[in-house]
Amino acid sequence: MRVLFFFTAHSRLDMIIKIQADILMTHILNKDKIYIVNDFGSDIAKSQVSYNSTKSNLYYYKSMFENLITTLRNKGGDISILGYKNIQSFKPQEFKTLQELKKYTYQGYNLGMCTASSMITFIRDHKLNTEKYAYRINRELKNAIDVLTTIEDYHKTFSIEKVYVFNGRMAVFAPIVLYCKQNNLNFNTFEFSLSFNKYHFLNNEIPHNISYRKEEIIDLWEREGISLIQKKKKAITFFENQRGGVSTVEQSYIGLQNKVLDNELLQGKEIITFFNSSIDEFAAVPGWENYIYLFEDETKAIEEICLHYINDSNKIFVLRIHPNLKFIDNTQNRDLLRLKTLKNLIIIEAHSPIRSYSLLDTSDKIITFGSTIGVEACYYEKPVICLGLSFYEHLDVAYIPKNKEELYSYMDNKHLKAKPKENALPYGYWFNSFGKPYTNFLNEAIKEEDYQLSVKQKQKGLLLKLLDIDNYKRTLK
């Protein structure tokens, strides 16, 4: 088999190298021909890590990559290293609005969407100002075109049979997925899982695909070989770990939350709590274009619902702004903070030390827009109303209103029952189980120490780091 592998740099250097080493080792054992596309000096590489990456960072990435390739070749790998194509004829584009950018196509491929995805991720604002960031947008669009040209050329030149790419969402990854789908070329995407012992490995799809994720959750829950009792136990562990702030790979915010809301503000009222999401995470992902139900966006939903009950003295609303938004000056935060004028809404800001789970426990109803707290609230036997696309909507853990009339009927029902907590268990089990084990590390076909930095490489990296610090200090004078 002839394999085209787009090697990826990432801030989680050890983890991203290990995932790629495991995949590549499989093809070496199969005696496949491997073409690896990589360039640590281009804008494409900088886009993967950071345009502000220092010389020491790039040196570490480059050195570990070279160590890995040497190791794989010593193990019999038939590997060719290729670079990215560089289109010299690129003409900068003008986009007056974000929607114009998202709709931009190049040779029939929607490169505007993946460019928008990169830019929204970098800027952390789902209402990206395309005129303000015109230079950076065109830099990412140029990357996307170069990546598309690269896979098209190598696919034809080397008669590639399978392609590998990280994540598949942003400007330096998505064109590969788009090309493979349009040309019926088999591909795999890889991503971090929520365990140090596994990684997410997908066939002909990206991790953000709703349908794929739903099937993954169901398939894992129904898979034979593990008893239902064991599955439930593992699922329950997920909910307990979430509440306790126990995390392996992803950051947990619970440890910084050690206070509860003043009960005097809530006494005698029906408490309805909104848990919002950070919109920028899915603002430019295919399939998530209209992820909010019934309303224009989260802010409009919260505002309209609160205004609907503005004269109802029996209800009080609480908004817990997602901790992922703390200290970020973006459109979403500014819009949400403007809602402070609503007399029946208490806003808990992103940086607040008030525990999210104390709000969940106190609340009579929970309203989410697709965040994980929705499925957790079901587990803790709270009625949940979900107003946005989610990976758990097929599990019947929340009420999903078809229209505003149905929404308000749920809101008005003082005896609205929680969905059965058992419905949440498949999600908890999936969360703690999904992913592909590092097979080639488990059977010791390859070891992490095989490609780790040598003493001399570490010393040189440290010297470069000291020089980076010195240069940075000079810029401040």
Protein backbone atom coordinates (compact mmCIF):
# COMPACT_ATOMS: atom_id res chain seq x y z
CA MET A 1 0.00 0.00 0.00
CA ARG A 2 1.17 3.53 -0.80
CA VAL A 3 0.45 5.86 2.10
CA LEU A 4 0.55 9.66 2.18
CA PHE A 5 1.04 10.92 5.74
CA PHE A 6 0.72 14.62 6.59
CA PHE A 7 2.93 14.93 9.65
CA THR A 8 1.72 17.36 12.30
CA ALA A 9 3.37 19.58 14.86
CA HIS A 10 1.47 20.50 18.00
CA SER A 11 2.00 22.16 21.37
CA ARG A 12 1.50 18.72 22.98
CA LEU A 13 4.70 17.50 21.39
CA ASP A 14 5.18 14.13 23.12
CA MET A 15 1.54 13.11 22.62
CA ILE A 16 1.26 14.10 18.96
CA ILE A 17 4.54 12.38 18.10
CA LYS A 18 3.46 9.19 19.88
CA ILE A 19 0.16 9.01 17.98
CA GLN A 20 1.91 9.43 14.64
CA ALA A 21 4.66 6.98 15.56
CA ASP A 22 2.06 4.31 16.39
CA ILE A 23 0.25 4.76 13.06
CA LEU A 24 3.43 4.85 10.99
CA MET A 25 4.82 1.75 12.74
CA THR A 26 1.76 -0.22 11.66
CA HIS A 27 2.50 0.55 8.01
CA ILE A 28 6.18 -0.30 8.45
CA LEU A 29 5.25 -3.72 9.83
CA ASN A 30 2.96 -4.15 6.80
CA LYS A 31 5.90 -3.29 4.47
CA ASP A 32 4.00 -0.35 2.98
CA LYS A 33 5.56 2.55 1.08
CA ILE A 34 5.20 5.74 3.16
CA TYR A 35 5.37 9.31 1.88
CA ILE A 36 5.53 11.86 4.70
CA VAL A 37 4.71 15.51 4.03
CA ASN A 38 6.37 17.85 6.49
CA ASP A 39 7.98 21.28 6.71
CA PHE A 40 8.77 22.87 10.05
CA GLY A 41 9.81 26.17 8.50
CA SER A 42 6.74 27.10 6.46
CA ASP A 43 3.61 29.07 7.36
CA ILE A 44 1.77 25.75 7.24
CA ALA A 45 3.87 24.42 10.13
CA LYS A 46 3.58 27.69 12.04
CA SER A 47 -0.19 27.57 11.62
CA GLN A 48 -0.20 24.12 13.25
CA VAL A 49 1.70 25.33 16.31
CA SER A 50 1.90 29.11 16.54
CA TYR A 51 3.14 31.94 14.38
CA ASN A 52 4.88 33.17 17.52
CA SER A 53 6.83 29.95 17.97
CA THR A 54 10.38 30.58 19.08
CA LYS A 55 13.49 29.07 17.51
CA SER A 56 13.79 26.71 20.47
CA ASN A 57 10.24 25.38 20.01
CA LEU A 58 10.76 24.75 16.30
CA TYR A 59 14.10 23.12 17.06
CA TYR A 60 12.47 20.69 19.51
CA TYR A 61 9.77 19.75 16.96
CA LYS A 62 12.25 19.33 14.13
CA SER A 63 14.72 17.30 16.21
CA MET A 64 12.15 14.86 17.55
CA PHE A 65 10.73 14.39 14.06
CA GLU A 66 14.18 13.62 12.68
CA ASN A 67 14.83 11.19 15.54
CA LEU A 68 11.55 9.41 14.82
CA ILE A 69 12.25 9.10 11.09
CA THR A 70 15.71 7.67 11.82
CA THR A 71 14.15 5.16 14.22
CA LEU A 72 11.46 4.12 11.75
CA ARG A 73 13.94 3.69 8.91
CA ASN A 74 16.16 1.57 11.17
CA LYS A 75 13.11 -0.62 11.76
CA GLY A 76 12.78 -1.18 8.02
CA GLY A 77 10.54 1.73 7.07
CA ASP A 78 10.44 2.63 3.37
CA ILE A 79 9.95 6.37 3.93
CA SER A 80 10.22 9.35 1.59
CA ILE A 81 10.06 12.89 3.01
CA LEU A 82 8.19 15.42 0.90
CA GLY A 83 7.56 19.15 1.23
CA TYR A 84 4.46 21.28 0.69
CA LYS A 85 3.83 22.94 -2.66
CA ASN A 86 4.11 26.72 -2.70
CA ILE A 87 1.75 28.47 -5.12
CA GLN A 88 3.42 31.67 -6.29
CA SER A 89 0.38 33.00 -8.18
CA PHE A 90 -1.80 33.49 -5.10
CA LYS A 91 -3.84 36.70 -5.16
CA PRO A 92 -5.14 38.04 -1.83
CA GLN A 93 -8.94 38.05 -1.55
CA GLU A 94 -11.25 40.62 0.01
CA PHE A 95 -14.07 39.47 2.29
CA LYS A 96 -16.44 42.09 3.61
CA THR A 97 -18.17 39.66 5.95
CA LEU A 98 -17.49 36.36 7.66
CA GLN A 99 -20.25 34.75 5.61
CA GLU A 100 -18.46 35.76 2.41
CA LEU A 101 -15.32 34.07 3.68
CA LYS A 102 -17.17 30.89 4.68
CA LYS A 103 -18.67 30.59 1.20
CA TYR A 104 -15.39 31.09 -0.69
CA THR A 105 -14.46 28.21 -3.00
CA TYR A 106 -11.28 27.44 -4.87
CA GLN A 107 -11.44 25.00 -7.79
CA GLY A 108 -14.68 23.62 -6.38
CA TYR A 109 -13.41 23.21 -2.80
CA ASN A 110 -14.83 25.25 0.07
CA LEU A 111 -11.54 26.57 1.43
CA GLY A 112 -13.26 29.59 2.95
CA MET A 113 -14.89 27.52 5.70
CA CYS A 114 -11.65 25.92 6.88
CA THR A 115 -9.88 29.29 6.70
CA ALA A 116 -12.63 30.78 8.86
CA SER A 117 -12.26 27.85 11.25
CA SER A 118 -8.56 28.58 11.72
CA MET A 119 -9.06 32.29 12.15
CA ILE A 120 -11.92 31.96 14.64
CA THR A 121 -9.78 29.53 16.63
CA PHE A 122 -6.82 31.94 16.65
CA ILE A 123 -8.84 35.08 17.45
CA ARG A 124 -11.42 33.30 19.70
CA ASP A 125 -14.28 35.33 18.22
CA HIS A 126 -17.17 33.71 16.32
CA LYS A 127 -17.99 37.06 14.72
CA LEU A 128 -14.60 37.51 13.11
CA ASN A 129 -13.90 40.98 11.68
CA THR A 130 -12.74 39.99 8.20
CA GLU A 131 -11.54 43.46 7.26
CA LYS A 132 -9.48 43.92 10.42
CA TYR A 133 -7.81 40.53 9.99
CA ALA A 134 -7.52 40.58 6.20
CA TYR A 135 -3.77 39.87 6.14
CA ARG A 136 -4.03 36.90 8.49
CA ILE A 137 -7.06 35.52 6.65
CA ASN A 138 -5.17 35.56 3.36
CA ARG A 139 -2.18 33.91 4.99
CA GLU A 140 -4.40 30.99 6.08
CA LEU A 141 -6.18 30.89 2.72
CA LYS A 142 -2.80 30.65 1.00
CA ASN A 143 -1.92 27.77 3.35
CA ALA A 144 -5.17 26.02 2.44
CA ILE A 145 -4.50 26.35 -1.28
CA ASP A 146 -0.94 25.10 -0.87
CA VAL A 147 -2.17 22.07 1.10
CA LEU A 148 -4.85 21.30 -1.50
CA THR A 149 -2.30 21.58 -4.31
CA THR A 150 0.07 19.34 -2.38
CA ILE A 151 -2.33 16.43 -1.92
CA GLU A 152 -3.61 16.71 -5.48
CA ASP A 153 -0.08 16.54 -6.88
CA TYR A 154 1.19 13.69 -4.69
CA HIS A 155 -2.00 11.65 -5.09
CA LYS A 156 -1.52 11.63 -8.86
CA THR A 157 2.27 11.36 -8.85
CA PHE A 158 2.59 8.45 -6.43
CA SER A 159 -0.81 6.75 -6.93
CA ILE A 160 -1.61 7.15 -3.23
CA GLU A 161 -4.06 4.64 -1.73
CA LYS A 162 -4.52 6.03 1.79
CA VAL A 163 -4.05 9.42 3.46
CA TYR A 164 -3.55 10.42 7.11
CA VAL A 165 -4.21 13.85 8.57
CA PHE A 166 -4.64 15.32 12.03
CA ASN A 167 -8.07 16.64 13.12
CA GLY A 168 -9.36 17.62 9.67
CA ARG A 169 -10.94 20.95 10.61
CA MET A 170 -8.60 23.90 10.07
CA ALA A 171 -7.00 25.50 7.01
CA VAL A 172 -3.92 23.27 7.03
CA PHE A 173 -5.92 20.04 7.52
CA ALA A 174 -9.43 20.39 6.06
CA PRO A 175 -8.38 20.71 2.38
CA ILE A 176 -6.96 17.19 2.65
CA VAL A 177 -10.30 15.85 3.88
CA LEU A 178 -12.20 17.78 1.21
CA TYR A 179 -9.96 16.42 -1.53
CA CYS A 180 -10.19 12.82 -0.29
CA LYS A 181 -13.98 12.93 -0.08
CA GLN A 182 -14.38 14.46 -3.52
CA ASN A 183 -11.97 11.99 -5.12
CA ASN A 184 -13.03 8.85 -3.20
CA LEU A 185 -9.61 8.49 -1.63
CA ASN A 186 -9.53 6.60 1.66
CA PHE A 187 -8.31 8.63 4.61
CA ASN A 188 -7.98 8.51 8.38
CA THR A 189 -8.01 11.39 10.80
CA PHE A 190 -6.38 11.20 14.21
CA GLU A 191 -6.82 13.27 17.34
CA PHE A 192 -6.15 13.18 21.06
CA SER A 193 -8.55 11.14 23.12
CA LEU A 194 -9.35 11.81 26.76
CA SER A 195 -6.83 9.25 27.93
CA PHE A 196 -3.05 9.05 27.78
CA ASN A 197 -3.40 5.40 26.78
CA LYS A 198 -5.43 5.89 23.59
CA TYR A 199 -5.97 8.25 20.68
CA HIS A 200 -8.99 9.03 18.53
CA PHE A 201 -8.74 7.31 15.15
CA LEU A 202 -11.48 7.79 12.54
CA ASN A 203 -12.15 6.27 9.13
CA ASN A 204 -13.08 8.69 6.34
CA GLU A 205 -14.48 11.28 8.74
CA ILE A 206 -13.51 14.06 11.15
CA PRO A 207 -14.00 14.04 14.96
CA HIS A 208 -16.59 16.83 14.82
CA ASN A 209 -19.06 14.90 12.67
CA ILE A 210 -22.30 14.55 14.64
CA SER A 211 -23.50 11.35 12.93
CA TYR A 212 -20.14 9.62 13.31
CA ARG A 213 -19.96 10.52 17.01
CA LYS A 214 -23.51 9.27 17.65
CA GLU A 215 -22.72 5.92 16.01
CA GLU A 216 -19.49 5.71 17.99
CA ILE A 217 -21.35 6.20 21.29
CA ILE A 218 -24.01 3.60 20.41
CA ASP A 219 -21.52 1.06 19.03
CA LEU A 220 -19.35 1.23 22.14
CA TRP A 221 -22.34 0.81 24.47
CA GLU A 222 -23.71 -2.16 22.51
CA ARG A 223 -20.36 -3.84 21.92
CA GLU A 224 -20.08 -7.31 23.39
CA GLY A 225 -17.23 -8.52 25.57
CA ILE A 226 -17.89 -6.20 28.51
CA SER A 227 -20.78 -6.78 30.89
CA LEU A 228 -23.48 -4.17 31.37
CA ILE A 229 -22.48 -3.86 35.03
CA GLN A 230 -18.90 -2.99 34.04
CA LYS A 231 -20.11 -0.48 31.46
CA LYS A 232 -22.35 1.24 34.00
CA LYS A 233 -19.52 1.35 36.53
CA LYS A 234 -17.20 2.99 34.01
CA ALA A 235 -19.94 5.43 32.97
CA ILE A 236 -20.59 6.44 36.58
CA THR A 237 -16.86 7.06 37.03
CA PHE A 238 -17.04 9.65 34.25
CA PHE A 239 -19.76 11.64 36.01
CA GLU A 240 -17.99 11.40 39.37
CA ASN A 241 -14.67 12.50 37.84
CA GLN A 242 -16.29 15.44 36.09
CA ARG A 243 -17.85 16.61 39.32
CA GLY A 244 -14.64 16.07 41.25
CA GLY A 245 -12.46 17.89 38.75
CA VAL A 246 -10.51 14.73 37.94
CA SER A 247 -9.03 15.09 34.47
CA THR A 248 -6.29 13.38 32.52
CA VAL A 249 -5.71 15.13 29.21
CA GLU A 250 -8.19 18.00 29.12
CA GLN A 251 -8.16 20.94 31.52
CA SER A 252 -10.69 20.88 34.37
CA TYR A 253 -12.00 24.16 35.76
CA ILE A 254 -13.64 22.69 38.86
CA GLY A 255 -10.55 22.97 41.04
CA LEU A 256 -10.73 26.76 40.82
CA GLN A 257 -14.40 26.84 41.83
CA ASN A 258 -14.88 26.75 45.61
CA LYS A 259 -17.85 28.98 46.39
CA VAL A 260 -21.65 28.79 46.14
CA LEU A 261 -24.21 31.39 45.11
CA ASP A 262 -25.86 33.42 47.88
CA ASN A 263 -29.09 31.56 48.67
CA GLU A 264 -30.88 34.79 49.64
CA LEU A 265 -30.99 35.71 45.97
CA LEU A 266 -32.78 32.46 45.15
CA GLN A 267 -35.10 31.75 48.07
CA GLY A 268 -38.69 30.95 47.23
CA LYS A 269 -38.17 31.02 43.47
CA GLU A 270 -38.01 28.46 40.72
CA ILE A 271 -34.35 28.47 39.62
CA ILE A 272 -33.60 27.98 35.94
CA THR A 273 -29.92 27.93 35.02
CA PHE A 274 -28.38 28.49 31.60
CA PHE A 275 -25.05 26.79 30.93
CA ASN A 276 -23.68 28.29 27.74
CA SER A 277 -20.89 27.11 25.42
CA SER A 278 -17.86 28.82 23.88
CA ILE A 279 -19.26 29.46 20.40
CA ASP A 280 -15.88 29.77 18.69
CA GLU A 281 -15.24 26.03 19.11
CA PHE A 282 -17.80 25.09 16.44
CA ALA A 283 -18.51 28.37 14.65
CA ALA A 284 -16.92 27.25 11.39
CA VAL A 285 -17.25 23.46 11.40
CA PRO A 286 -19.20 21.73 8.62
CA GLY A 287 -22.48 20.41 9.97
CA TRP A 288 -22.60 22.95 12.80
CA GLU A 289 -23.64 25.98 10.74
CA ASN A 290 -27.06 26.26 12.41
CA TYR A 291 -26.34 24.64 15.72
CA ILE A 292 -28.69 26.82 17.81
CA TYR A 293 -32.35 25.83 17.75
CA LEU A 294 -35.23 28.35 17.60
CA PHE A 295 -33.07 31.46 18.15
CA GLU A 296 -30.40 33.43 16.31
CA ASP A 297 -27.72 32.61 18.88
CA GLU A 298 -27.21 31.83 22.57
CA THR A 299 -27.37 35.44 23.70
CA LYS A 300 -30.65 36.06 21.88
CA ALA A 301 -32.09 32.87 23.37
CA ILE A 302 -31.17 33.86 26.94
CA GLU A 303 -32.42 37.41 26.46
CA GLU A 304 -35.73 36.44 24.87
CA ILE A 305 -36.49 33.76 27.46
CA CYS A 306 -35.72 36.11 30.35
CA LEU A 307 -37.85 38.86 28.81
CA HIS A 308 -40.70 36.41 28.33
CA TYR A 309 -40.73 35.90 32.11
CA ILE A 310 -39.61 39.38 33.13
CA ASN A 311 -42.79 39.95 35.20
CA ASP A 312 -42.93 36.44 36.66
CA SER A 313 -41.75 36.92 40.24
CA ASN A 314 -41.77 33.16 40.83
CA LYS A 315 -38.85 32.48 38.47
CA ILE A 316 -35.21 33.52 38.68
CA PHE A 317 -32.67 32.80 35.92
CA VAL A 318 -28.97 32.19 36.35
CA LEU A 319 -26.37 32.22 33.56
CA ARG A 320 -23.13 30.35 34.11
CA ILE A 321 -20.72 31.65 31.46
CA HIS A 322 -18.42 28.84 30.36
CA PRO A 323 -15.04 29.00 32.16
CA ASN A 324 -13.32 28.51 28.80
CA LEU A 325 -14.29 32.13 28.04
CA LYS A 326 -12.58 33.69 31.04
CA PHE A 327 -10.55 36.86 30.41
CA ILE A 328 -11.32 36.79 26.68
CA ASP A 329 -12.47 40.05 25.12
CA ASN A 330 -14.65 38.77 22.30
CA THR A 331 -18.11 39.34 20.86
CA GLN A 332 -19.70 36.51 22.80
CA ASN A 333 -18.52 37.75 26.19
CA ARG A 334 -19.45 41.34 25.44
CA ASP A 335 -22.93 40.33 24.30
CA LEU A 336 -23.50 38.13 27.34
CA LEU A 337 -22.36 40.79 29.82
CA ARG A 338 -24.84 43.26 28.31
CA LEU A 339 -27.58 40.99 29.68
CA LYS A 340 -26.76 42.22 33.19
CA THR A 341 -29.53 44.80 32.73
CA LEU A 342 -32.15 42.02 32.92
CA LYS A 343 -33.62 42.17 36.41
CA ASN A 344 -34.49 38.46 36.53
CA LEU A 345 -31.06 37.17 35.43
CA ILE A 346 -28.02 36.55 37.64
CA ILE A 347 -24.81 36.26 35.64
CA ILE A 348 -21.94 34.13 36.94
CA GLU A 349 -18.93 35.26 34.90
CA ALA A 350 -16.43 32.85 33.40
CA HIS A 351 -13.74 33.57 36.00
CA SER A 352 -16.12 33.29 38.97
CA PRO A 353 -15.13 30.81 41.73
CA ILE A 354 -18.78 29.74 42.13
CA ARG A 355 -19.01 26.01 41.54
CA SER A 356 -20.96 24.99 38.47
CA TYR A 357 -22.18 21.85 40.23
CA SER A 358 -23.58 23.84 43.13
CA LEU A 359 -25.67 25.72 40.55
CA LEU A 360 -26.74 22.44 39.00
CA ASP A 361 -27.81 21.06 42.39
CA THR A 362 -29.75 24.19 43.30
CA SER A 363 -31.54 24.51 39.96
CA ASP A 364 -35.04 23.29 39.18
CA LYS A 365 -34.38 23.24 35.44
CA ILE A 366 -31.26 23.38 33.29
CA ILE A 367 -31.02 24.97 29.83
CA THR A 368 -27.98 24.15 27.70
CA PHE A 369 -26.90 24.75 24.13
CA GLY A 370 -25.18 21.40 23.65
CA SER A 371 -22.43 21.47 26.30
CA THR A 372 -21.51 18.35 28.28
CA ILE A 373 -23.18 19.70 31.43
CA GLY A 374 -26.51 18.84 29.75
CA VAL A 375 -25.91 15.10 29.85
CA GLU A 376 -24.42 15.45 33.34
CA ALA A 377 -27.55 17.26 34.56
CA CYS A 378 -29.65 14.35 33.33
CA TYR A 379 -27.48 11.95 35.31
CA TYR A 380 -28.08 14.08 38.40
CA GLU A 381 -31.83 13.88 37.72
CA LYS A 382 -32.46 17.45 36.64
CA PRO A 383 -34.91 18.33 33.83
CA VAL A 384 -32.77 19.52 30.93
CA ILE A 385 -33.88 21.62 27.96
CA CYS A 386 -31.36 21.63 25.14
CA LEU A 387 -31.46 24.45 22.59
CA GLY A 388 -28.46 23.49 20.51
CA LEU A 389 -26.87 20.68 18.54
CA SER A 390 -25.09 18.15 20.75
CA PHE A 391 -23.30 14.82 20.62
CA TYR A 392 -25.85 13.38 23.06
CA GLU A 393 -29.19 14.48 21.62
CA HIS A 394 -29.97 10.97 20.36
CA LEU A 395 -29.77 9.57 23.91
CA ASP A 396 -32.98 11.24 25.11
CA VAL A 397 -31.35 12.98 28.05
CA ALA A 398 -32.96 16.36 27.37
CA TYR A 399 -36.13 17.97 26.10
CA ILE A 400 -35.54 19.40 22.62
CA PRO A 401 -38.42 21.76 21.77
CA LYS A 402 -39.59 21.91 18.17
CA ASN A 403 -40.79 25.51 18.49
CA LYS A 404 -40.99 28.33 21.03
CA GLU A 405 -44.48 27.36 22.13
CA GLU A 406 -43.22 23.93 23.12
CA LEU A 407 -40.20 25.50 24.82
CA TYR A 408 -42.36 27.73 26.99
CA SER A 409 -44.67 24.84 27.82
CA TYR A 410 -41.65 23.03 29.28
CA MET A 411 -40.63 26.19 31.12
CA ASP A 412 -44.14 26.66 32.56
CA ASN A 413 -44.43 23.06 33.72
CA LYS A 414 -43.48 23.11 37.41
CA HIS A 415 -43.62 19.32 37.47
CA LEU A 416 -41.41 18.72 34.42
CA LYS A 417 -39.70 15.40 35.03
CA ALA A 418 -36.05 14.70 34.40
CA LYS A 419 -35.28 12.18 31.70
CA PRO A 420 -34.18 8.80 33.12
CA LYS A 421 -30.61 9.08 34.40
CA GLU A 422 -29.83 5.71 32.78
CA ASN A 423 -30.11 7.43 29.40
CA ALA A 424 -26.93 9.37 30.20
CA LEU A 425 -24.81 6.29 30.88
CA PRO A 426 -23.83 5.48 27.25
CA TYR A 427 -22.29 8.95 26.96
CA GLY A 428 -20.32 8.54 30.18
CA TYR A 429 -19.12 5.13 29.06
CA TRP A 430 -18.09 6.45 25.64
CA PHE A 431 -16.22 9.37 27.22
CA ASN A 432 -14.16 7.01 29.36
CA SER A 433 -13.70 4.30 26.70
CA PHE A 434 -13.35 5.67 23.19
CA GLY A 435 -10.06 5.63 21.36
CA LYS A 436 -7.52 3.28 19.83
CA PRO A 437 -4.82 1.79 22.11
CA TYR A 438 -1.17 2.45 21.25
CA THR A 439 -0.82 -1.07 19.88
CA ASN A 440 2.74 -0.79 18.64
CA PHE A 441 3.92 0.66 21.93
CA LEU A 442 2.11 -2.04 23.91
CA ASN A 443 3.80 -4.81 21.91
CA GLU A 444 7.07 -2.83 22.01
CA ALA A 445 7.49 -2.67 18.25
CA ILE A 446 8.52 0.89 19.09
CA LYS A 447 9.31 2.70 22.35
CA GLU A 448 9.13 6.35 23.27
CA GLU A 449 12.80 6.37 24.24
CA ASP A 450 13.64 5.32 20.67
CA TYR A 451 13.09 8.86 19.41
CA GLN A 452 13.39 11.11 22.45
CA LEU A 453 15.83 14.01 22.37
CA SER A 454 19.45 13.20 23.12
CA VAL A 455 21.43 15.03 25.80
CA LYS A 456 23.14 17.16 23.13
CA GLN A 457 19.79 18.02 21.51
CA LYS A 458 18.36 19.06 24.88
CA GLN A 459 21.41 21.20 25.59
CA LYS A 460 21.14 22.93 22.24
CA GLY A 461 17.41 23.44 22.76
CA LEU A 462 18.07 24.99 26.16
CA LEU A 463 20.67 27.33 24.67
CA LEU A 464 18.21 28.41 21.97
CA LYS A 465 15.57 28.95 24.64
CA LEU A 466 17.91 31.22 26.60
CA LEU A 467 18.64 33.16 23.43
CA ASP A 468 14.90 33.45 22.75
CA ILE A 469 14.39 34.88 26.24
CA ASP A 470 17.28 37.31 25.76
CA ASN A 471 15.91 38.48 22.39
CA TYR A 472 12.45 38.90 23.92
CA LYS A 473 13.86 41.05 26.71
CA ARG A 474 15.60 43.25 24.17
CA THR A 475 12.34 43.91 22.36
CA LEU A 476 10.87 45.25 25.62
CA LYS A 477 13.61 47.90 26.04
